[in-house]
């Protein structure tokens, strides 16, 4: 088993943290191997950032993305750059509220998830990435919801656990629809 997932957006959206959380969930709670790499633009906030997670059952597997299975795009610029890496039959999950031009490919499975709006609705835009993680898990079944929840709770401060739990649940719901 090998799954390749890329989170992409701009600095400040929690892109890198999303990769860390997913990798942690897969490795610590699912007994898989997870390889996580990241890239950020030179700007502190606003530049393109990406986090890639390769989940595998083989400890000697290649740690870099070669055949992207899922792209989670949270900004127009990141969608424009990385959609070309999605081959036919793969999955795009994107935040339509952060896009001006919507993807027009018929050969991939496309899931619009209004993560930013949902994060605002539950009280804080900083959890849009957690909404997206919940949707990702519901759509792909890459890991269990419980494993993701455990990994989120490992990394968020106690005062934000309730907010993040709400974000996860909303993400699960959006991904299920």
N, C-alpha and C. Protein backbone atom coordinates (compact mmCIF):
# COMPACT_ATOMS: atom_id res chain seq x y z
N UNK A 1 0.85 -1.18 0.00
CA UNK A 1 0.00 0.00 0.00
C UNK A 1 0.89 1.24 0.00
N UNK A 2 0.53 2.18 -0.84
CA UNK A 2 1.25 3.46 -0.91
C UNK A 2 0.25 4.54 -1.31
N UNK A 3 0.19 5.60 -0.53
CA UNK A 3 -0.67 6.75 -0.82
C UNK A 3 0.19 8.00 -0.80
N UNK A 4 0.02 8.84 -1.80
CA UNK A 4 0.78 10.08 -1.91
C UNK A 4 -0.19 11.26 -1.88
N UNK A 5 0.00 12.15 -0.89
CA UNK A 5 -0.92 13.26 -0.68
C UNK A 5 -0.12 14.56 -0.61
N UNK A 6 -0.61 15.58 -1.29
CA UNK A 6 0.03 16.90 -1.24
C UNK A 6 -1.00 17.93 -0.77
N UNK A 7 -0.61 18.68 0.26
CA UNK A 7 -1.38 19.83 0.72
C UNK A 7 -0.68 21.06 0.14
N UNK A 8 -1.45 21.99 -0.41
CA UNK A 8 -0.84 23.18 -1.00
C UNK A 8 -1.72 24.39 -0.74
N UNK A 9 -1.07 25.50 -0.49
CA UNK A 9 -1.77 26.75 -0.24
C UNK A 9 -0.75 27.84 -0.04
N UNK A 10 -1.11 28.82 0.77
CA UNK A 10 -0.15 29.89 1.06
C UNK A 10 0.18 29.88 2.54
N UNK A 11 1.32 30.48 2.86
CA UNK A 11 1.78 30.54 4.23
C UNK A 11 0.73 31.14 5.14
N UNK A 12 0.54 30.52 6.29
CA UNK A 12 -0.45 30.99 7.25
C UNK A 12 -1.73 30.18 7.25
N UNK A 13 -1.87 29.25 6.30
CA UNK A 13 -3.08 28.42 6.23
C UNK A 13 -2.93 27.09 6.97
N UNK A 14 -1.79 26.83 7.55
CA UNK A 14 -1.60 25.57 8.26
C UNK A 14 -1.30 24.40 7.35
N UNK A 15 -0.76 24.68 6.19
CA UNK A 15 -0.44 23.63 5.21
C UNK A 15 0.59 22.66 5.78
N UNK A 16 1.68 23.19 6.31
CA UNK A 16 2.74 22.32 6.84
C UNK A 16 2.23 21.52 8.03
N UNK A 17 1.44 22.13 8.87
CA UNK A 17 0.88 21.43 10.02
C UNK A 17 -0.04 20.29 9.56
N UNK A 18 -0.77 20.50 8.48
CA UNK A 18 -1.64 19.44 7.96
C UNK A 18 -0.83 18.21 7.59
N UNK A 19 0.30 18.42 6.94
CA UNK A 19 1.17 17.30 6.59
C UNK A 19 1.72 16.59 7.81
N UNK A 20 2.10 17.36 8.79
CA UNK A 20 2.63 16.79 10.03
C UNK A 20 1.56 15.95 10.73
N UNK A 21 0.36 16.49 10.82
CA UNK A 21 -0.73 15.78 11.50
C UNK A 21 -1.07 14.48 10.76
N UNK A 22 -1.20 14.55 9.44
CA UNK A 22 -1.55 13.34 8.68
C UNK A 22 -0.45 12.29 8.80
N UNK A 23 0.80 12.70 8.68
CA UNK A 23 1.91 11.76 8.82
C UNK A 23 1.95 11.14 10.21
N UNK A 24 1.72 11.94 11.21
CA UNK A 24 1.69 11.45 12.60
C UNK A 24 0.58 10.43 12.79
N UNK A 25 -0.60 10.74 12.28
CA UNK A 25 -1.74 9.82 12.41
C UNK A 25 -1.44 8.48 11.75
N UNK A 26 -0.87 8.53 10.55
CA UNK A 26 -0.58 7.30 9.81
C UNK A 26 0.49 6.46 10.50
N UNK A 27 1.53 7.13 11.00
CA UNK A 27 2.66 6.40 11.60
C UNK A 27 2.38 5.93 13.02
N UNK A 28 1.83 6.81 13.84
CA UNK A 28 1.66 6.47 15.26
C UNK A 28 0.39 5.70 15.56
N UNK A 29 -0.66 5.96 14.80
CA UNK A 29 -1.96 5.37 15.13
C UNK A 29 -2.47 4.33 14.12
N UNK A 30 -1.80 4.23 12.99
CA UNK A 30 -2.23 3.28 11.96
C UNK A 30 -1.16 2.22 11.69
N UNK A 31 -0.02 2.31 12.35
CA UNK A 31 1.09 1.37 12.17
C UNK A 31 1.57 1.30 10.73
N UNK A 32 1.58 2.43 10.07
CA UNK A 32 2.16 2.54 8.74
C UNK A 32 3.45 3.33 8.84
N UNK A 33 4.13 3.45 7.73
CA UNK A 33 5.29 4.33 7.65
C UNK A 33 4.82 5.59 6.95
N UNK A 34 5.28 6.72 7.44
CA UNK A 34 4.89 7.98 6.83
C UNK A 34 6.13 8.83 6.61
N UNK A 35 6.22 9.37 5.42
CA UNK A 35 7.32 10.25 5.06
C UNK A 35 6.71 11.59 4.75
N UNK A 36 7.20 12.64 5.41
CA UNK A 36 6.60 13.95 5.22
C UNK A 36 7.70 14.93 4.81
N UNK A 37 7.47 15.64 3.71
CA UNK A 37 8.38 16.68 3.26
C UNK A 37 7.59 17.96 3.10
N UNK A 38 8.32 19.07 3.11
CA UNK A 38 7.62 20.34 3.00
C UNK A 38 8.47 21.36 2.26
N UNK A 39 7.78 22.36 1.73
CA UNK A 39 8.44 23.43 1.01
C UNK A 39 7.64 24.70 1.26
N UNK A 40 8.36 25.76 1.58
CA UNK A 40 7.69 27.05 1.79
C UNK A 40 8.38 28.11 0.95
N UNK A 41 7.61 29.10 0.55
CA UNK A 41 8.17 30.22 -0.19
C UNK A 41 9.00 31.10 0.74
N UNK A 42 9.75 32.03 0.18
CA UNK A 42 10.61 32.88 1.01
C UNK A 42 9.84 33.86 1.89
N UNK A 43 8.57 34.09 1.57
CA UNK A 43 7.77 35.02 2.37
C UNK A 43 7.33 34.33 3.66
N UNK A 44 7.25 35.07 4.74
CA UNK A 44 6.80 34.49 6.01
C UNK A 44 5.34 34.09 5.93
N UNK A 45 4.53 34.92 5.34
CA UNK A 45 3.11 34.61 5.13
C UNK A 45 2.74 35.06 3.73
N UNK A 46 1.92 34.26 3.09
CA UNK A 46 1.44 34.64 1.77
C UNK A 46 2.11 33.91 0.62
N UNK A 47 3.32 33.40 0.82
CA UNK A 47 3.99 32.67 -0.24
C UNK A 47 3.44 31.25 -0.33
N UNK A 48 3.69 30.60 -1.45
CA UNK A 48 3.20 29.23 -1.65
C UNK A 48 3.91 28.30 -0.70
N UNK A 49 3.13 27.42 -0.10
CA UNK A 49 3.71 26.37 0.73
C UNK A 49 3.06 25.05 0.35
N UNK A 50 3.81 23.98 0.59
CA UNK A 50 3.27 22.65 0.31
C UNK A 50 3.85 21.68 1.31
N UNK A 51 3.05 20.69 1.62
CA UNK A 51 3.48 19.58 2.47
C UNK A 51 3.06 18.31 1.77
N UNK A 52 3.97 17.38 1.67
CA UNK A 52 3.68 16.11 1.03
C UNK A 52 3.84 14.99 2.04
N UNK A 53 2.91 14.06 1.98
CA UNK A 53 2.93 12.91 2.87
C UNK A 53 2.82 11.65 2.01
N UNK A 54 3.77 10.75 2.21
CA UNK A 54 3.72 9.45 1.57
C UNK A 54 3.46 8.44 2.69
N UNK A 55 2.37 7.71 2.58
CA UNK A 55 2.00 6.70 3.56
C UNK A 55 2.21 5.34 2.91
N UNK A 56 2.93 4.49 3.60
CA UNK A 56 3.28 3.20 3.01
C UNK A 56 3.33 2.12 4.08
N UNK A 57 3.21 0.88 3.65
CA UNK A 57 3.40 -0.24 4.56
C UNK A 57 4.82 -0.81 4.44
N UNK A 58 5.68 -0.12 3.67
CA UNK A 58 7.05 -0.57 3.44
C UNK A 58 8.02 0.47 3.99
N UNK A 59 8.83 0.08 4.95
CA UNK A 59 9.76 1.02 5.58
C UNK A 59 10.85 1.49 4.62
N UNK A 60 11.07 0.78 3.55
CA UNK A 60 12.13 1.14 2.60
C UNK A 60 11.57 1.84 1.36
N UNK A 61 10.32 2.23 1.42
CA UNK A 61 9.68 2.88 0.28
C UNK A 61 10.34 4.24 0.01
N UNK A 62 10.23 4.68 -1.23
CA UNK A 62 10.78 5.98 -1.62
C UNK A 62 9.99 7.09 -0.93
N UNK A 63 10.67 8.04 -0.26
CA UNK A 63 9.96 9.02 0.58
C UNK A 63 9.38 10.22 -0.15
N UNK A 64 9.55 10.32 -1.43
CA UNK A 64 9.05 11.49 -2.16
C UNK A 64 7.85 11.12 -3.03
N UNK A 65 7.05 12.12 -3.34
CA UNK A 65 5.89 11.92 -4.20
C UNK A 65 6.36 11.66 -5.63
N UNK A 66 5.87 10.57 -6.21
CA UNK A 66 6.18 10.23 -7.61
C UNK A 66 4.91 10.16 -8.45
N UNK A 67 3.83 9.73 -7.83
CA UNK A 67 2.56 9.54 -8.54
C UNK A 67 1.44 10.01 -7.61
N UNK A 68 1.22 11.30 -7.59
CA UNK A 68 0.30 11.94 -6.65
C UNK A 68 -1.09 11.33 -6.71
N UNK A 69 -1.59 10.91 -5.53
CA UNK A 69 -2.94 10.35 -5.44
C UNK A 69 -3.98 11.42 -5.10
N UNK A 70 -3.61 12.35 -4.21
CA UNK A 70 -4.56 13.36 -3.73
C UNK A 70 -3.87 14.71 -3.65
N UNK A 71 -4.51 15.72 -4.22
CA UNK A 71 -4.07 17.11 -4.06
C UNK A 71 -5.13 17.84 -3.25
N UNK A 72 -4.70 18.45 -2.15
CA UNK A 72 -5.58 19.29 -1.35
C UNK A 72 -5.11 20.72 -1.59
N UNK A 73 -5.89 21.50 -2.34
CA UNK A 73 -5.49 22.86 -2.72
C UNK A 73 -6.32 23.88 -1.95
N UNK A 74 -5.62 24.78 -1.27
CA UNK A 74 -6.30 25.80 -0.48
C UNK A 74 -6.06 27.22 -0.98
N UNK A 75 -5.48 27.35 -2.18
CA UNK A 75 -5.34 28.67 -2.80
C UNK A 75 -5.32 28.49 -4.31
N UNK A 76 -5.69 29.55 -5.02
CA UNK A 76 -5.72 29.49 -6.48
C UNK A 76 -4.33 29.23 -7.05
N UNK A 77 -3.34 29.93 -6.55
CA UNK A 77 -1.99 29.78 -7.08
C UNK A 77 -1.47 28.35 -6.91
N UNK A 78 -1.75 27.76 -5.76
CA UNK A 78 -1.28 26.39 -5.55
C UNK A 78 -2.04 25.41 -6.44
N UNK A 79 -3.32 25.64 -6.66
CA UNK A 79 -4.09 24.80 -7.57
C UNK A 79 -3.51 24.89 -8.99
N UNK A 80 -3.27 26.12 -9.43
CA UNK A 80 -2.74 26.33 -10.77
C UNK A 80 -1.40 25.62 -10.97
N UNK A 81 -0.55 25.64 -9.96
CA UNK A 81 0.77 25.03 -10.08
C UNK A 81 0.72 23.51 -10.00
N UNK A 82 -0.05 22.96 -9.08
CA UNK A 82 0.06 21.53 -8.78
C UNK A 82 -0.98 20.63 -9.42
N UNK A 83 -2.03 21.19 -10.02
CA UNK A 83 -3.05 20.33 -10.61
C UNK A 83 -2.48 19.48 -11.75
N UNK A 84 -1.47 19.99 -12.39
CA UNK A 84 -0.86 19.23 -13.51
C UNK A 84 -0.23 17.92 -13.03
N UNK A 85 0.07 17.81 -11.74
CA UNK A 85 0.67 16.59 -11.20
C UNK A 85 -0.35 15.48 -10.94
N UNK A 86 -1.64 15.82 -11.05
CA UNK A 86 -2.69 14.81 -10.83
C UNK A 86 -2.98 14.08 -12.13
N UNK A 87 -2.75 12.81 -12.12
CA UNK A 87 -3.04 11.97 -13.29
C UNK A 87 -4.51 11.59 -13.29
N UNK A 88 -4.96 11.07 -14.38
CA UNK A 88 -6.34 10.64 -14.55
C UNK A 88 -6.76 9.67 -13.44
N UNK A 89 -7.97 9.87 -12.92
CA UNK A 89 -8.52 8.99 -11.90
C UNK A 89 -8.15 9.36 -10.48
N UNK A 90 -7.28 10.36 -10.30
CA UNK A 90 -6.84 10.77 -8.96
C UNK A 90 -7.82 11.78 -8.36
N UNK A 91 -7.50 12.29 -7.17
CA UNK A 91 -8.44 13.10 -6.40
C UNK A 91 -7.93 14.52 -6.17
N UNK A 92 -8.80 15.49 -6.43
CA UNK A 92 -8.56 16.89 -6.08
C UNK A 92 -9.60 17.29 -5.05
N UNK A 93 -9.11 17.82 -3.93
CA UNK A 93 -9.97 18.42 -2.90
C UNK A 93 -9.54 19.87 -2.82
N UNK A 94 -10.48 20.80 -3.01
CA UNK A 94 -10.09 22.21 -3.02
C UNK A 94 -11.12 23.05 -2.28
N UNK A 95 -10.67 24.23 -1.85
CA UNK A 95 -11.53 25.17 -1.16
C UNK A 95 -12.06 26.19 -2.17
N UNK A 96 -13.34 26.08 -2.57
CA UNK A 96 -13.87 26.97 -3.61
C UNK A 96 -13.89 28.44 -3.19
N UNK A 97 -13.92 28.71 -1.89
CA UNK A 97 -13.95 30.10 -1.44
C UNK A 97 -12.61 30.80 -1.62
N UNK A 98 -11.57 30.02 -1.89
CA UNK A 98 -10.24 30.59 -2.06
C UNK A 98 -9.82 30.60 -3.54
N UNK A 99 -10.76 30.32 -4.43
CA UNK A 99 -10.46 30.19 -5.85
C UNK A 99 -11.20 31.23 -6.68
N UNK A 100 -10.56 31.64 -7.77
CA UNK A 100 -11.21 32.48 -8.77
C UNK A 100 -11.61 31.66 -9.98
N UNK A 101 -10.76 30.72 -10.32
CA UNK A 101 -10.99 29.84 -11.47
C UNK A 101 -11.09 28.41 -10.96
N UNK A 102 -12.16 27.76 -11.32
CA UNK A 102 -12.38 26.41 -10.82
C UNK A 102 -11.80 25.38 -11.78
N UNK A 103 -11.36 24.27 -11.24
CA UNK A 103 -10.78 23.23 -12.11
C UNK A 103 -11.80 22.70 -13.09
N UNK A 104 -11.34 22.47 -14.30
CA UNK A 104 -12.23 22.00 -15.36
C UNK A 104 -11.65 20.73 -15.98
N UNK A 105 -11.39 19.75 -15.14
CA UNK A 105 -10.89 18.47 -15.64
C UNK A 105 -11.93 17.40 -15.39
N UNK A 106 -12.22 16.67 -16.40
CA UNK A 106 -13.22 15.60 -16.30
C UNK A 106 -12.59 14.25 -15.96
N UNK A 107 -11.26 14.18 -15.99
CA UNK A 107 -10.58 12.91 -15.80
C UNK A 107 -10.16 12.64 -14.35
N UNK A 108 -10.45 13.58 -13.44
CA UNK A 108 -10.11 13.40 -12.03
C UNK A 108 -11.38 13.54 -11.18
N UNK A 109 -11.32 13.05 -9.97
CA UNK A 109 -12.44 13.17 -9.03
C UNK A 109 -12.25 14.46 -8.24
N UNK A 110 -13.23 15.35 -8.34
CA UNK A 110 -13.11 16.69 -7.76
C UNK A 110 -14.11 16.87 -6.63
N UNK A 111 -13.59 17.36 -5.48
CA UNK A 111 -14.42 17.58 -4.30
C UNK A 111 -14.21 19.01 -3.79
N UNK A 112 -15.18 19.91 -4.02
CA UNK A 112 -15.09 21.25 -3.44
C UNK A 112 -15.49 21.20 -1.96
N UNK A 113 -14.61 21.64 -1.09
CA UNK A 113 -14.87 21.66 0.35
C UNK A 113 -14.68 23.09 0.84
N UNK A 114 -15.75 23.77 1.25
CA UNK A 114 -15.64 25.16 1.70
C UNK A 114 -15.05 25.26 3.12
N UNK A 115 -13.80 24.88 3.25
CA UNK A 115 -13.15 24.78 4.55
C UNK A 115 -12.99 26.13 5.24
N UNK A 116 -12.62 27.15 4.47
CA UNK A 116 -12.41 28.46 5.08
C UNK A 116 -13.72 29.02 5.61
N UNK A 117 -14.78 28.94 4.83
CA UNK A 117 -16.08 29.43 5.29
C UNK A 117 -16.56 28.64 6.51
N UNK A 118 -16.36 27.33 6.49
CA UNK A 118 -16.76 26.51 7.63
C UNK A 118 -15.97 26.89 8.88
N UNK A 119 -14.69 27.16 8.72
CA UNK A 119 -13.87 27.57 9.86
C UNK A 119 -14.38 28.88 10.45
N UNK A 120 -14.73 29.83 9.58
CA UNK A 120 -15.33 31.08 10.06
C UNK A 120 -16.63 30.81 10.80
N UNK A 121 -17.45 29.92 10.24
CA UNK A 121 -18.75 29.61 10.84
C UNK A 121 -18.63 29.00 12.23
N UNK A 122 -17.57 28.21 12.45
CA UNK A 122 -17.43 27.60 13.78
C UNK A 122 -16.60 28.45 14.73
N UNK A 123 -16.09 29.58 14.24
CA UNK A 123 -15.51 30.52 15.17
C UNK A 123 -14.09 30.99 14.94
N UNK A 124 -13.32 30.36 14.03
CA UNK A 124 -11.95 30.82 13.86
C UNK A 124 -11.38 30.27 12.56
N UNK A 125 -10.93 31.18 11.69
CA UNK A 125 -10.42 30.76 10.38
C UNK A 125 -9.16 29.90 10.48
N UNK A 126 -8.49 29.88 11.62
CA UNK A 126 -7.24 29.13 11.71
C UNK A 126 -7.44 27.62 11.66
N UNK A 127 -8.68 27.16 11.74
CA UNK A 127 -8.91 25.71 11.69
C UNK A 127 -9.39 25.23 10.31
N UNK A 128 -9.26 26.06 9.29
CA UNK A 128 -9.65 25.64 7.94
C UNK A 128 -8.86 24.40 7.52
N UNK A 129 -7.59 24.35 7.89
CA UNK A 129 -6.78 23.18 7.54
C UNK A 129 -7.29 21.91 8.21
N UNK A 130 -7.80 22.02 9.41
CA UNK A 130 -8.33 20.86 10.13
C UNK A 130 -9.66 20.42 9.50
N UNK A 131 -10.47 21.37 9.06
CA UNK A 131 -11.68 21.03 8.31
C UNK A 131 -11.28 20.22 7.07
N UNK A 132 -10.26 20.68 6.36
CA UNK A 132 -9.79 19.99 5.16
C UNK A 132 -9.27 18.59 5.48
N UNK A 133 -8.55 18.45 6.59
CA UNK A 133 -8.06 17.12 6.99
C UNK A 133 -9.23 16.17 7.24
N UNK A 134 -10.26 16.65 7.91
CA UNK A 134 -11.43 15.82 8.16
C UNK A 134 -12.09 15.39 6.86
N UNK A 135 -12.23 16.34 5.92
CA UNK A 135 -12.82 16.01 4.62
C UNK A 135 -11.96 15.01 3.87
N UNK A 136 -10.65 15.20 3.90
CA UNK A 136 -9.72 14.29 3.23
C UNK A 136 -9.91 12.86 3.72
N UNK A 137 -9.98 12.69 5.02
CA UNK A 137 -10.13 11.34 5.60
C UNK A 137 -11.48 10.74 5.23
N UNK A 138 -12.54 11.54 5.24
CA UNK A 138 -13.86 11.03 4.85
C UNK A 138 -13.90 10.62 3.38
N UNK A 139 -13.26 11.39 2.54
CA UNK A 139 -13.28 11.13 1.10
C UNK A 139 -12.40 9.93 0.73
N UNK A 140 -11.21 9.85 1.31
CA UNK A 140 -10.23 8.85 0.87
C UNK A 140 -10.13 7.61 1.74
N UNK A 141 -10.56 7.70 2.99
CA UNK A 141 -10.38 6.59 3.94
C UNK A 141 -8.92 6.15 4.05
N UNK A 142 -8.01 7.08 3.85
CA UNK A 142 -6.57 6.78 3.94
C UNK A 142 -6.19 6.32 5.34
N UNK A 143 -6.77 6.97 6.33
CA UNK A 143 -6.59 6.58 7.73
C UNK A 143 -7.96 6.68 8.39
N UNK A 144 -8.05 6.21 9.61
CA UNK A 144 -9.33 6.27 10.32
C UNK A 144 -9.56 7.67 10.91
N UNK A 145 -10.81 7.99 11.12
CA UNK A 145 -11.16 9.26 11.75
C UNK A 145 -10.58 9.34 13.16
N UNK A 146 -10.60 8.23 13.86
CA UNK A 146 -10.07 8.20 15.23
C UNK A 146 -8.57 8.48 15.25
N UNK A 147 -7.84 7.92 14.32
CA UNK A 147 -6.40 8.17 14.24
C UNK A 147 -6.12 9.64 13.97
N UNK A 148 -6.88 10.24 13.06
CA UNK A 148 -6.71 11.66 12.77
C UNK A 148 -7.02 12.50 13.99
N UNK A 149 -8.09 12.17 14.67
CA UNK A 149 -8.47 12.91 15.87
C UNK A 149 -7.36 12.84 16.92
N UNK A 150 -6.80 11.66 17.13
CA UNK A 150 -5.70 11.50 18.09
C UNK A 150 -4.50 12.35 17.71
N UNK A 151 -4.16 12.37 16.43
CA UNK A 151 -3.00 13.14 15.98
C UNK A 151 -3.24 14.64 16.13
N UNK A 152 -4.45 15.10 15.85
CA UNK A 152 -4.76 16.52 16.04
C UNK A 152 -4.62 16.88 17.51
N UNK A 153 -5.16 16.05 18.37
CA UNK A 153 -5.08 16.34 19.80
C UNK A 153 -3.64 16.30 20.31
N UNK A 154 -2.78 15.52 19.66
CA UNK A 154 -1.36 15.49 20.05
C UNK A 154 -0.67 16.83 19.83
N UNK A 155 -1.08 17.56 18.80
CA UNK A 155 -0.32 18.75 18.41
C UNK A 155 -0.98 20.08 18.76
N UNK A 156 -2.28 20.11 19.04
CA UNK A 156 -2.91 21.40 19.35
C UNK A 156 -2.87 21.66 20.85
N UNK A 157 -2.70 22.91 21.23
CA UNK A 157 -2.74 23.26 22.65
C UNK A 157 -4.11 22.92 23.25
N UNK A 158 -4.15 22.57 24.53
CA UNK A 158 -5.42 22.17 25.17
C UNK A 158 -6.56 23.18 24.99
N UNK A 159 -6.25 24.46 25.00
CA UNK A 159 -7.34 25.45 24.90
C UNK A 159 -7.99 25.46 23.50
N UNK A 160 -7.35 24.82 22.51
CA UNK A 160 -7.91 24.79 21.16
C UNK A 160 -8.47 23.42 20.78
N UNK A 161 -8.48 22.48 21.70
CA UNK A 161 -8.95 21.13 21.38
C UNK A 161 -10.42 21.11 20.98
N UNK A 162 -11.27 21.82 21.71
CA UNK A 162 -12.69 21.82 21.39
C UNK A 162 -12.95 22.44 20.01
N UNK A 163 -12.29 23.54 19.71
CA UNK A 163 -12.42 24.19 18.40
C UNK A 163 -11.97 23.24 17.29
N UNK A 164 -10.85 22.57 17.48
CA UNK A 164 -10.35 21.64 16.48
C UNK A 164 -11.24 20.42 16.33
N UNK A 165 -11.83 19.96 17.41
CA UNK A 165 -12.77 18.84 17.33
C UNK A 165 -13.98 19.24 16.49
N UNK A 166 -14.49 20.44 16.69
CA UNK A 166 -15.60 20.94 15.86
C UNK A 166 -15.20 20.99 14.39
N UNK A 167 -13.99 21.48 14.15
CA UNK A 167 -13.49 21.58 12.77
C UNK A 167 -13.39 20.20 12.13
N UNK A 168 -12.87 19.24 12.87
CA UNK A 168 -12.76 17.87 12.35
C UNK A 168 -14.13 17.30 12.01
N UNK A 169 -15.07 17.44 12.93
CA UNK A 169 -16.41 16.90 12.71
C UNK A 169 -17.07 17.53 11.48
N UNK A 170 -16.90 18.84 11.32
CA UNK A 170 -17.45 19.52 10.14
C UNK A 170 -16.77 19.02 8.87
N UNK A 171 -15.46 18.80 8.95
CA UNK A 171 -14.74 18.27 7.81
C UNK A 171 -15.21 16.86 7.45
N UNK A 172 -15.40 16.03 8.47
CA UNK A 172 -15.92 14.68 8.23
C UNK A 172 -17.26 14.75 7.50
N UNK A 173 -18.13 15.64 7.98
CA UNK A 173 -19.46 15.80 7.38
C UNK A 173 -19.37 16.27 5.93
N UNK A 174 -18.54 17.30 5.69
CA UNK A 174 -18.41 17.84 4.33
C UNK A 174 -17.85 16.79 3.38
N UNK A 175 -16.89 16.03 3.84
CA UNK A 175 -16.30 14.98 3.01
C UNK A 175 -17.25 13.84 2.74
N UNK A 176 -18.14 13.59 3.68
CA UNK A 176 -19.11 12.50 3.52
C UNK A 176 -20.17 12.86 2.48
N UNK A 177 -20.49 14.15 2.39
CA UNK A 177 -21.52 14.59 1.43
C UNK A 177 -20.98 14.45 0.03
